[in-house]
Amino acid sequence: MKETQNKIRKTMKEVLDLLISKNKQYGDSAMNPTRIFAKGSAEDLIRVRIDDKLNRLLQGDKSIERDEDVILDLIGYLVLLLIAVRK
């Protein structure tokens, strides 16, 4: 049980670091999208990104990105969706 808890902590830290890094890199684009081509609320646009990530995961196309990268991004988008829903 302790080993699993430690793995949970390590994995959540990895997701946290990824989200913070991408937020710095892309600005606050998830919560405040530019809406140049896509219209909709931040919540709606995050859902579109989640759909895209799920599709990539289902396709399993290694030439796009590794499944692990897609899963990490998906977790990150789900966290952002939760933040948007709570807003």
PDB file of N, CA and C in Angstrom:
ATOM      1  N   MET A   1       0.822  -1.184   0.000  1.00  0.00           N
ATOM      2  CA  MET A   1       0.000   0.000   0.000  1.00  0.00           C
ATOM      3  C   MET A   1       0.876   1.262   0.000  1.00  0.00           C
ATOM      4  N   LYS A   2       1.891   1.302   0.815  1.00  0.00           N
ATOM      5  CA  LYS A   2       2.776   2.465   0.910  1.00  0.00           C
ATOM      6  C   LYS A   2       3.479   2.720  -0.420  1.00  0.00           C
ATOM      7  N   GLU A   3       3.886   1.638  -1.091  1.00  0.00           N
ATOM      8  CA  GLU A   3       4.568   1.777  -2.379  1.00  0.00           C
ATOM      9  C   GLU A   3       3.640   2.427  -3.412  1.00  0.00           C
ATOM     10  N   THR A   4       2.394   1.997  -3.437  1.00  0.00           N
ATOM     11  CA  THR A   4       1.421   2.580  -4.359  1.00  0.00           C
ATOM     12  C   THR A   4       1.182   4.044  -4.039  1.00  0.00           C
ATOM     13  N   GLN A   5       1.097   4.377  -2.769  1.00  0.00           N
ATOM     14  CA  GLN A   5       0.883   5.772  -2.366  1.00  0.00           C
ATOM     15  C   GLN A   5       2.053   6.647  -2.805  1.00  0.00           C
ATOM     16  N   ASN A   6       3.243   6.129  -2.691  1.00  0.00           N
ATOM     17  CA  ASN A   6       4.427   6.872  -3.139  1.00  0.00           C
ATOM     18  C   ASN A   6       4.408   7.071  -4.660  1.00  0.00           C
ATOM     19  N   LYS A   7       3.967   6.056  -5.383  1.00  0.00           N
ATOM     20  CA  LYS A   7       3.864   6.171  -6.839  1.00  0.00           C
ATOM     21  C   LYS A   7       2.797   7.198  -7.220  1.00  0.00           C
ATOM     22  N   ILE A   8       1.708   7.230  -6.469  1.00  0.00           N
ATOM     23  CA  ILE A   8       0.657   8.227  -6.709  1.00  0.00           C
ATOM     24  C   ILE A   8       1.231   9.626  -6.514  1.00  0.00           C
ATOM     25  N   ARG A   9       1.946   9.834  -5.425  1.00  0.00           N
ATOM     26  CA  ARG A   9       2.555  11.150  -5.158  1.00  0.00           C
ATOM     27  C   ARG A   9       3.520  11.550  -6.278  1.00  0.00           C
ATOM     28  N   LYS A  10       4.352  10.619  -6.683  1.00  0.00           N
ATOM     29  CA  LYS A  10       5.342  10.901  -7.730  1.00  0.00           C
ATOM     30  C   LYS A  10       4.651  11.236  -9.056  1.00  0.00           C
ATOM     31  N   THR A  11       3.639  10.476  -9.403  1.00  0.00           N
ATOM     32  CA  THR A  11       2.923  10.704 -10.654  1.00  0.00           C
ATOM     33  C   THR A  11       2.170  12.031 -10.630  1.00  0.00           C
ATOM     34  N   MET A  12       1.530  12.353  -9.507  1.00  0.00           N
ATOM     35  CA  MET A  12       0.805  13.619  -9.400  1.00  0.00           C
ATOM     36  C   MET A  12       1.769  14.805  -9.467  1.00  0.00           C
ATOM     37  N   LYS A  13       2.949  14.645  -8.927  1.00  0.00           N
ATOM     38  CA  LYS A  13       3.972  15.700  -9.011  1.00  0.00           C
ATOM     39  C   LYS A  13       4.392  15.889 -10.462  1.00  0.00           C
ATOM     40  N   GLU A  14       4.508  14.794 -11.190  1.00  0.00           N
ATOM     41  CA  GLU A  14       4.860  14.859 -12.611  1.00  0.00           C
ATOM     42  C   GLU A  14       3.776  15.616 -13.391  1.00  0.00           C
ATOM     43  N   VAL A  15       2.508  15.325 -13.102  1.00  0.00           N
ATOM     44  CA  VAL A  15       1.400  16.023 -13.761  1.00  0.00           C
ATOM     45  C   VAL A  15       1.414  17.501 -13.381  1.00  0.00           C
ATOM     46  N   LEU A  16       1.633  17.800 -12.112  1.00  0.00           N
ATOM     47  CA  LEU A  16       1.709  19.189 -11.645  1.00  0.00           C
ATOM     48  C   LEU A  16       2.812  19.944 -12.385  1.00  0.00           C
ATOM     49  N   ASP A  17       3.991  19.357 -12.450  1.00  0.00           N
ATOM     50  CA  ASP A  17       5.115  20.002 -13.133  1.00  0.00           C
ATOM     51  C   ASP A  17       4.813  20.220 -14.612  1.00  0.00           C
ATOM     52  N   LEU A  18       4.174  19.252 -15.251  1.00  0.00           N
ATOM     53  CA  LEU A  18       3.813  19.361 -16.660  1.00  0.00           C
ATOM     54  C   LEU A  18       2.818  20.513 -16.875  1.00  0.00           C
ATOM     55  N   LEU A  19       1.791  20.582 -16.027  1.00  0.00           N
ATOM     56  CA  LEU A  19       0.789  21.641 -16.163  1.00  0.00           C
ATOM     57  C   LEU A  19       1.393  23.027 -15.966  1.00  0.00           C
ATOM     58  N   ILE A  20       2.222  23.175 -14.968  1.00  0.00           N
ATOM     59  CA  ILE A  20       2.862  24.466 -14.707  1.00  0.00           C
ATOM     60  C   ILE A  20       3.781  24.846 -15.871  1.00  0.00           C
ATOM     61  N   SER A  21       4.550  23.899 -16.357  1.00  0.00           N
ATOM     62  CA  SER A  21       5.460  24.147 -17.476  1.00  0.00           C
ATOM     63  C   SER A  21       4.696  24.575 -18.727  1.00  0.00           C
ATOM     64  N   LYS A  22       3.623  23.858 -19.047  1.00  0.00           N
ATOM     65  CA  LYS A  22       2.849  24.197 -20.239  1.00  0.00           C
ATOM     66  C   LYS A  22       2.118  25.517 -20.066  1.00  0.00           C
ATOM     67  N   ASN A  23       1.688  25.827 -18.850  1.00  0.00           N
ATOM     68  CA  ASN A  23       1.033  27.107 -18.593  1.00  0.00           C
ATOM     69  C   ASN A  23       2.004  28.258 -18.825  1.00  0.00           C
ATOM     70  N   LYS A  24       3.252  28.058 -18.420  1.00  0.00           N
ATOM     71  CA  LYS A  24       4.281  29.077 -18.662  1.00  0.00           C
ATOM     72  C   LYS A  24       4.577  29.195 -20.151  1.00  0.00           C
ATOM     73  N   GLN A  25       4.651  28.046 -20.826  1.00  0.00           N
ATOM     74  CA  GLN A  25       5.001  28.017 -22.243  1.00  0.00           C
ATOM     75  C   GLN A  25       3.895  28.613 -23.118  1.00  0.00           C
ATOM     76  N   TYR A  26       2.644  28.255 -22.844  1.00  0.00           N
ATOM     77  CA  TYR A  26       1.523  28.665 -23.691  1.00  0.00           C
ATOM     78  C   TYR A  26       0.711  29.813 -23.107  1.00  0.00           C
ATOM     79  N   GLY A  27       1.110  30.312 -21.961  1.00  0.00           N
ATOM     80  CA  GLY A  27       0.292  31.324 -21.304  1.00  0.00           C
ATOM     81  C   GLY A  27      -0.933  30.650 -20.712  1.00  0.00           C
ATOM     82  N   ASP A  28      -1.927  31.415 -20.442  1.00  0.00           N
ATOM     83  CA  ASP A  28      -3.137  30.866 -19.826  1.00  0.00           C
ATOM     84  C   ASP A  28      -4.171  30.515 -20.897  1.00  0.00           C
ATOM     85  N   SER A  29      -3.695  29.892 -21.980  1.00  0.00           N
ATOM     86  CA  SER A  29      -4.546  29.659 -23.146  1.00  0.00           C
ATOM     87  C   SER A  29      -5.706  28.708 -22.896  1.00  0.00           C
ATOM     88  N   ALA A  30      -5.583  27.820 -21.929  1.00  0.00           N
ATOM     89  CA  ALA A  30      -6.694  26.910 -21.652  1.00  0.00           C
ATOM     90  C   ALA A  30      -7.853  27.651 -20.984  1.00  0.00           C
ATOM     91  N   MET A  31      -7.541  28.500 -20.030  1.00  0.00           N
ATOM     92  CA  MET A  31      -8.590  29.221 -19.300  1.00  0.00           C
ATOM     93  C   MET A  31      -9.018  30.501 -20.012  1.00  0.00           C
ATOM     94  N   ASN A  32      -8.116  31.048 -20.821  1.00  0.00           N
ATOM     95  CA  ASN A  32      -8.396  32.279 -21.559  1.00  0.00           C
ATOM     96  C   ASN A  32      -7.984  32.113 -23.020  1.00  0.00           C
ATOM     97  N   PRO A  33      -8.730  31.278 -23.768  1.00  0.00           N
ATOM     98  CA  PRO A  33      -8.355  31.009 -25.162  1.00  0.00           C
ATOM     99  C   PRO A  33      -8.498  32.249 -26.036  1.00  0.00           C
ATOM    100  N   THR A  34      -7.715  32.305 -27.118  1.00  0.00           N
ATOM    101  CA  THR A  34      -7.751  33.460 -28.012  1.00  0.00           C
ATOM    102  C   THR A  34      -8.995  33.464 -28.903  1.00  0.00           C
ATOM    103  N   ARG A  35      -9.550  32.294 -29.152  1.00  0.00           N
ATOM    104  CA  ARG A  35     -10.784  32.147 -29.941  1.00  0.00           C
ATOM    105  C   ARG A  35     -10.661  32.751 -31.349  1.00  0.00           C
ATOM    106  N   ILE A  36      -9.552  32.510 -32.004  1.00  0.00           N
ATOM    107  CA  ILE A  36      -9.371  33.003 -33.374  1.00  0.00           C
ATOM    108  C   ILE A  36     -10.213  32.164 -34.337  1.00  0.00           C
ATOM    109  N   PHE A  37     -10.072  30.853 -34.277  1.00  0.00           N
ATOM    110  CA  PHE A  37     -10.849  29.970 -35.135  1.00  0.00           C
ATOM    111  C   PHE A  37     -11.984  29.293 -34.375  1.00  0.00           C
ATOM    112  N   ALA A  38     -11.684  28.810 -33.185  1.00  0.00           N
ATOM    113  CA  ALA A  38     -12.687  28.085 -32.395  1.00  0.00           C
ATOM    114  C   ALA A  38     -13.378  29.053 -31.442  1.00  0.00           C
ATOM    115  N   LYS A  39     -14.672  28.961 -31.404  1.00  0.00           N
ATOM    116  CA  LYS A  39     -15.469  29.786 -30.498  1.00  0.00           C
ATOM    117  C   LYS A  39     -15.996  28.883 -29.388  1.00  0.00           C
ATOM    118  N   GLY A  40     -16.304  29.464 -28.280  1.00  0.00           N
ATOM    119  CA  GLY A  40     -16.866  28.692 -27.183  1.00  0.00           C
ATOM    120  C   GLY A  40     -16.195  29.066 -25.882  1.00  0.00           C
ATOM    121  N   SER A  41     -16.745  28.525 -24.828  1.00  0.00           N
ATOM    122  CA  SER A  41     -16.203  28.788 -23.495  1.00  0.00           C
ATOM    123  C   SER A  41     -14.893  28.024 -23.315  1.00  0.00           C
ATOM    124  N   ALA A  42     -14.140  28.417 -22.325  1.00  0.00           N
ATOM    125  CA  ALA A  42     -12.908  27.690 -22.001  1.00  0.00           C
ATOM    126  C   ALA A  42     -13.228  26.222 -21.742  1.00  0.00           C
ATOM    127  N   GLU A  43     -14.315  25.986 -21.021  1.00  0.00           N
ATOM    128  CA  GLU A  43     -14.724  24.605 -20.713  1.00  0.00           C
ATOM    129  C   GLU A  43     -14.995  23.817 -21.999  1.00  0.00           C
ATOM    130  N   ASP A  44     -15.739  24.401 -22.929  1.00  0.00           N
ATOM    131  CA  ASP A  44     -16.031  23.716 -24.190  1.00  0.00           C
ATOM    132  C   ASP A  44     -14.760  23.417 -24.982  1.00  0.00           C
ATOM    133  N   LEU A  45     -13.857  24.390 -25.032  1.00  0.00           N
ATOM    134  CA  LEU A  45     -12.630  24.205 -25.814  1.00  0.00           C
ATOM    135  C   LEU A  45     -11.685  23.194 -25.169  1.00  0.00           C
ATOM    136  N   ILE A  46     -11.680  23.109 -23.852  1.00  0.00           N
ATOM    137  CA  ILE A  46     -10.898  22.072 -23.167  1.00  0.00           C
ATOM    138  C   ILE A  46     -11.472  20.702 -23.502  1.00  0.00           C
ATOM    139  N   ARG A  47     -12.798  20.608 -23.540  1.00  0.00           N
ATOM    140  CA  ARG A  47     -13.440  19.332 -23.903  1.00  0.00           C
ATOM    141  C   ARG A  47     -13.032  18.891 -25.314  1.00  0.00           C
ATOM    142  N   VAL A  48     -12.884  19.843 -26.235  1.00  0.00           N
ATOM    143  CA  VAL A  48     -12.432  19.518 -27.594  1.00  0.00           C
ATOM    144  C   VAL A  48     -11.016  18.957 -27.540  1.00  0.00           C
ATOM    145  N   ARG A  49     -10.155  19.572 -26.748  1.00  0.00           N
ATOM    146  CA  ARG A  49      -8.776  19.080 -26.614  1.00  0.00           C
ATOM    147  C   ARG A  49      -8.755  17.670 -26.024  1.00  0.00           C
ATOM    148  N   ILE A  50      -9.643  17.419 -25.056  1.00  0.00           N
ATOM    149  CA  ILE A  50      -9.741  16.080 -24.460  1.00  0.00           C
ATOM    150  C   ILE A  50     -10.173  15.076 -25.522  1.00  0.00           C
ATOM    151  N   ASP A  51     -11.169  15.447 -26.341  1.00  0.00           N
ATOM    152  CA  ASP A  51     -11.596  14.557 -27.427  1.00  0.00           C
ATOM    153  C   ASP A  51     -10.430  14.232 -28.362  1.00  0.00           C
ATOM    154  N   ASP A  52      -9.639  15.251 -28.709  1.00  0.00           N
ATOM    155  CA  ASP A  52      -8.489  15.026 -29.591  1.00  0.00           C
ATOM    156  C   ASP A  52      -7.489  14.062 -28.962  1.00  0.00           C
ATOM    157  N   LYS A  53      -7.215  14.255 -27.668  1.00  0.00           N
ATOM    158  CA  LYS A  53      -6.256  13.378 -26.978  1.00  0.00           C
ATOM    159  C   LYS A  53      -6.790  11.948 -26.898  1.00  0.00           C
ATOM    160  N   LEU A  54      -8.072  11.805 -26.614  1.00  0.00           N
ATOM    161  CA  LEU A  54      -8.659  10.460 -26.561  1.00  0.00           C
ATOM    162  C   LEU A  54      -8.575   9.779 -27.926  1.00  0.00           C
ATOM    163  N   ASN A  55      -8.810  10.539 -28.975  1.00  0.00           N
ATOM    164  CA  ASN A  55      -8.713   9.981 -30.317  1.00  0.00           C
ATOM    165  C   ASN A  55      -7.289   9.507 -30.605  1.00  0.00           C
ATOM    166  N   ARG A  56      -6.302  10.320 -30.220  1.00  0.00           N
ATOM    167  CA  ARG A  56      -4.907   9.912 -30.434  1.00  0.00           C
ATOM    168  C   ARG A  56      -4.572   8.644 -29.660  1.00  0.00           C
ATOM    169  N   LEU A  57      -5.100   8.572 -28.442  1.00  0.00           N
ATOM    170  CA  LEU A  57      -4.857   7.390 -27.618  1.00  0.00           C
ATOM    171  C   LEU A  57      -5.498   6.154 -28.251  1.00  0.00           C
ATOM    172  N   LEU A  58      -6.708   6.307 -28.746  1.00  0.00           N
ATOM    173  CA  LEU A  58      -7.400   5.188 -29.392  1.00  0.00           C
ATOM    174  C   LEU A  58      -6.715   4.761 -30.682  1.00  0.00           C
ATOM    175  N   GLN A  59      -6.182   5.751 -31.418  1.00  0.00           N
ATOM    176  CA  GLN A  59      -5.496   5.438 -32.671  1.00  0.00           C
ATOM    177  C   GLN A  59      -4.160   4.758 -32.411  1.00  0.00           C
ATOM    178  N   GLY A  60      -3.541   5.117 -31.284  1.00  0.00           N
ATOM    179  CA  GLY A  60      -2.262   4.506 -30.933  1.00  0.00           C
ATOM    180  C   GLY A  60      -1.179   4.753 -31.964  1.00  0.00           C
ATOM    181  N   ASP A  61      -1.197   5.920 -32.585  1.00  0.00           N
ATOM    182  CA  ASP A  61      -0.229   6.240 -33.625  1.00  0.00           C
ATOM    183  C   ASP A  61       1.058   6.757 -32.999  1.00  0.00           C
ATOM    184  N   LYS A  62       2.048   5.909 -32.919  1.00  0.00           N
ATOM    185  CA  LYS A  62       3.324   6.246 -32.278  1.00  0.00           C
ATOM    186  C   LYS A  62       4.068   7.362 -33.006  1.00  0.00           C
ATOM    187  N   SER A  63       3.720   7.599 -34.273  1.00  0.00           N
ATOM    188  CA  SER A  63       4.409   8.646 -35.019  1.00  0.00           C
ATOM    189  C   SER A  63       3.975  10.038 -34.548  1.00  0.00           C
ATOM    190  N   ILE A  64       2.825  10.140 -33.908  1.00  0.00           N
ATOM    191  CA  ILE A  64       2.347  11.437 -33.411  1.00  0.00           C
ATOM    192  C   ILE A  64       2.995  11.732 -32.065  1.00  0.00           C
ATOM    193  N   GLU A  65       2.748  10.872 -31.092  1.00  0.00           N
ATOM    194  CA  GLU A  65       3.350  10.995 -29.768  1.00  0.00           C
ATOM    195  C   GLU A  65       3.143   9.679 -29.030  1.00  0.00           C
ATOM    196  N   ARG A  66       3.959   9.463 -28.030  1.00  0.00           N
ATOM    197  CA  ARG A  66       3.855   8.216 -27.271  1.00  0.00           C
ATOM    198  C   ARG A  66       2.548   8.187 -26.477  1.00  0.00           C
ATOM    199  N   ASP A  67       2.006   7.000 -26.256  1.00  0.00           N
ATOM    200  CA  ASP A  67       0.781   6.854 -25.473  1.00  0.00           C
ATOM    201  C   ASP A  67       0.934   7.491 -24.094  1.00  0.00           C
ATOM    202  N   GLU A  68       2.103   7.339 -23.478  1.00  0.00           N
ATOM    203  CA  GLU A  68       2.309   7.905 -22.146  1.00  0.00           C
ATOM    204  C   GLU A  68       2.191   9.428 -22.175  1.00  0.00           C
ATOM    205  N   ASP A  69       2.709  10.055 -23.227  1.00  0.00           N
ATOM    206  CA  ASP A  69       2.585  11.514 -23.362  1.00  0.00           C
ATOM    207  C   ASP A  69       1.127  11.924 -23.515  1.00  0.00           C
ATOM    208  N   VAL A  70       0.382  11.159 -24.301  1.00  0.00           N
ATOM    209  CA  VAL A  70      -1.037  11.443 -24.501  1.00  0.00           C
ATOM    210  C   VAL A  70      -1.786  11.304 -23.178  1.00  0.00           C
ATOM    211  N   ILE A  71      -1.467  10.265 -22.419  1.00  0.00           N
ATOM    212  CA  ILE A  71      -2.133  10.045 -21.129  1.00  0.00           C
ATOM    213  C   ILE A  71      -1.822  11.186 -20.171  1.00  0.00           C
ATOM    214  N   LEU A  72      -0.571  11.611 -20.101  1.00  0.00           N
ATOM    215  CA  LEU A  72      -0.209  12.740 -19.230  1.00  0.00           C
ATOM    216  C   LEU A  72      -0.945  14.009 -19.650  1.00  0.00           C
ATOM    217  N   ASP A  73      -0.987  14.283 -20.953  1.00  0.00           N
ATOM    218  CA  ASP A  73      -1.721  15.447 -21.433  1.00  0.00           C
ATOM    219  C   ASP A  73      -3.205  15.342 -21.092  1.00  0.00           C
ATOM    220  N   LEU A  74      -3.755  14.154 -21.244  1.00  0.00           N
ATOM    221  CA  LEU A  74      -5.174  13.933 -20.946  1.00  0.00           C
ATOM    222  C   LEU A  74      -5.470  14.215 -19.473  1.00  0.00           C
ATOM    223  N   ILE A  75      -4.618  13.714 -18.593  1.00  0.00           N
ATOM    224  CA  ILE A  75      -4.789  13.993 -17.162  1.00  0.00           C
ATOM    225  C   ILE A  75      -4.723  15.492 -16.918  1.00  0.00           C
ATOM    226  N   GLY A  76      -3.766  16.155 -17.555  1.00  0.00           N
ATOM    227  CA  GLY A  76      -3.638  17.603 -17.412  1.00  0.00           C
ATOM    228  C   GLY A  76      -4.895  18.330 -17.873  1.00  0.00           C
ATOM    229  N   TYR A  77      -5.425  17.937 -19.025  1.00  0.00           N
ATOM    230  CA  TYR A  77      -6.647  18.578 -19.522  1.00  0.00           C
ATOM    231  C   TYR A  77      -7.838  18.304 -18.602  1.00  0.00           C
ATOM    232  N   LEU A  78      -7.889  17.128 -18.014  1.00  0.00           N
ATOM    233  CA  LEU A  78      -8.977  16.840 -17.074  1.00  0.00           C
ATOM    234  C   LEU A  78      -8.875  17.725 -15.833  1.00  0.00           C
ATOM    235  N   VAL A  79      -7.660  17.983 -15.375  1.00  0.00           N
ATOM    236  CA  VAL A  79      -7.463  18.912 -14.248  1.00  0.00           C
ATOM    237  C   VAL A  79      -7.926  20.309 -14.658  1.00  0.00           C
ATOM    238  N   LEU A  80      -7.531  20.746 -15.848  1.00  0.00           N
ATOM    239  CA  LEU A  80      -7.949  22.062 -16.325  1.00  0.00           C
ATOM    240  C   LEU A  80      -9.466  22.143 -16.490  1.00  0.00           C
ATOM    241  N   LEU A  81     -10.073  21.045 -16.956  1.00  0.00           N
ATOM    242  CA  LEU A  81     -11.531  21.014 -17.084  1.00  0.00           C
ATOM    243  C   LEU A  81     -12.192  21.174 -15.711  1.00  0.00           C
ATOM    244  N   LEU A  82     -11.659  20.489 -14.710  1.00  0.00           N
ATOM    245  CA  LEU A  82     -12.204  20.616 -13.360  1.00  0.00           C
ATOM    246  C   LEU A  82     -12.106  22.063 -12.864  1.00  0.00           C
ATOM    247  N   ILE A  83     -10.980  22.706 -13.135  1.00  0.00           N
ATOM    248  CA  ILE A  83     -10.801  24.108 -12.746  1.00  0.00           C
ATOM    249  C   ILE A  83     -11.831  24.981 -13.476  1.00  0.00           C
ATOM    250  N   ALA A  84     -12.023  24.745 -14.775  1.00  0.00           N
ATOM    251  CA  ALA A  84     -12.985  25.535 -15.553  1.00  0.00           C
ATOM    252  C   ALA A  84     -14.412  25.312 -15.066  1.00  0.00           C
ATOM    253  N   VAL A  85     -14.746  24.076 -14.744  1.00  0.00           N
ATOM    254  CA  VAL A  85     -16.099  23.766 -14.255  1.00  0.00           C
ATOM    255  C   VAL A  85     -16.348  24.456 -12.912  1.00  0.00           C
ATOM    256  N   ARG A  86     -15.342  24.503 -12.079  1.00  0.00           N
ATOM    257  CA  ARG A  86     -15.478  25.120 -10.751  1.00  0.00           C
ATOM    258  C   ARG A  86     -15.497  26.645 -10.805  1.00  0.00           C
ATOM    259  N   LYS A  87     -15.068  27.206 -11.930  1.00  0.00           N
ATOM    260  CA  LYS A  87     -14.934  28.664 -12.061  1.00  0.00           C
ATOM    261  C   LYS A  87     -16.257  29.351 -11.949  1.00  0.00           C
TER     262      LYS A  87
END
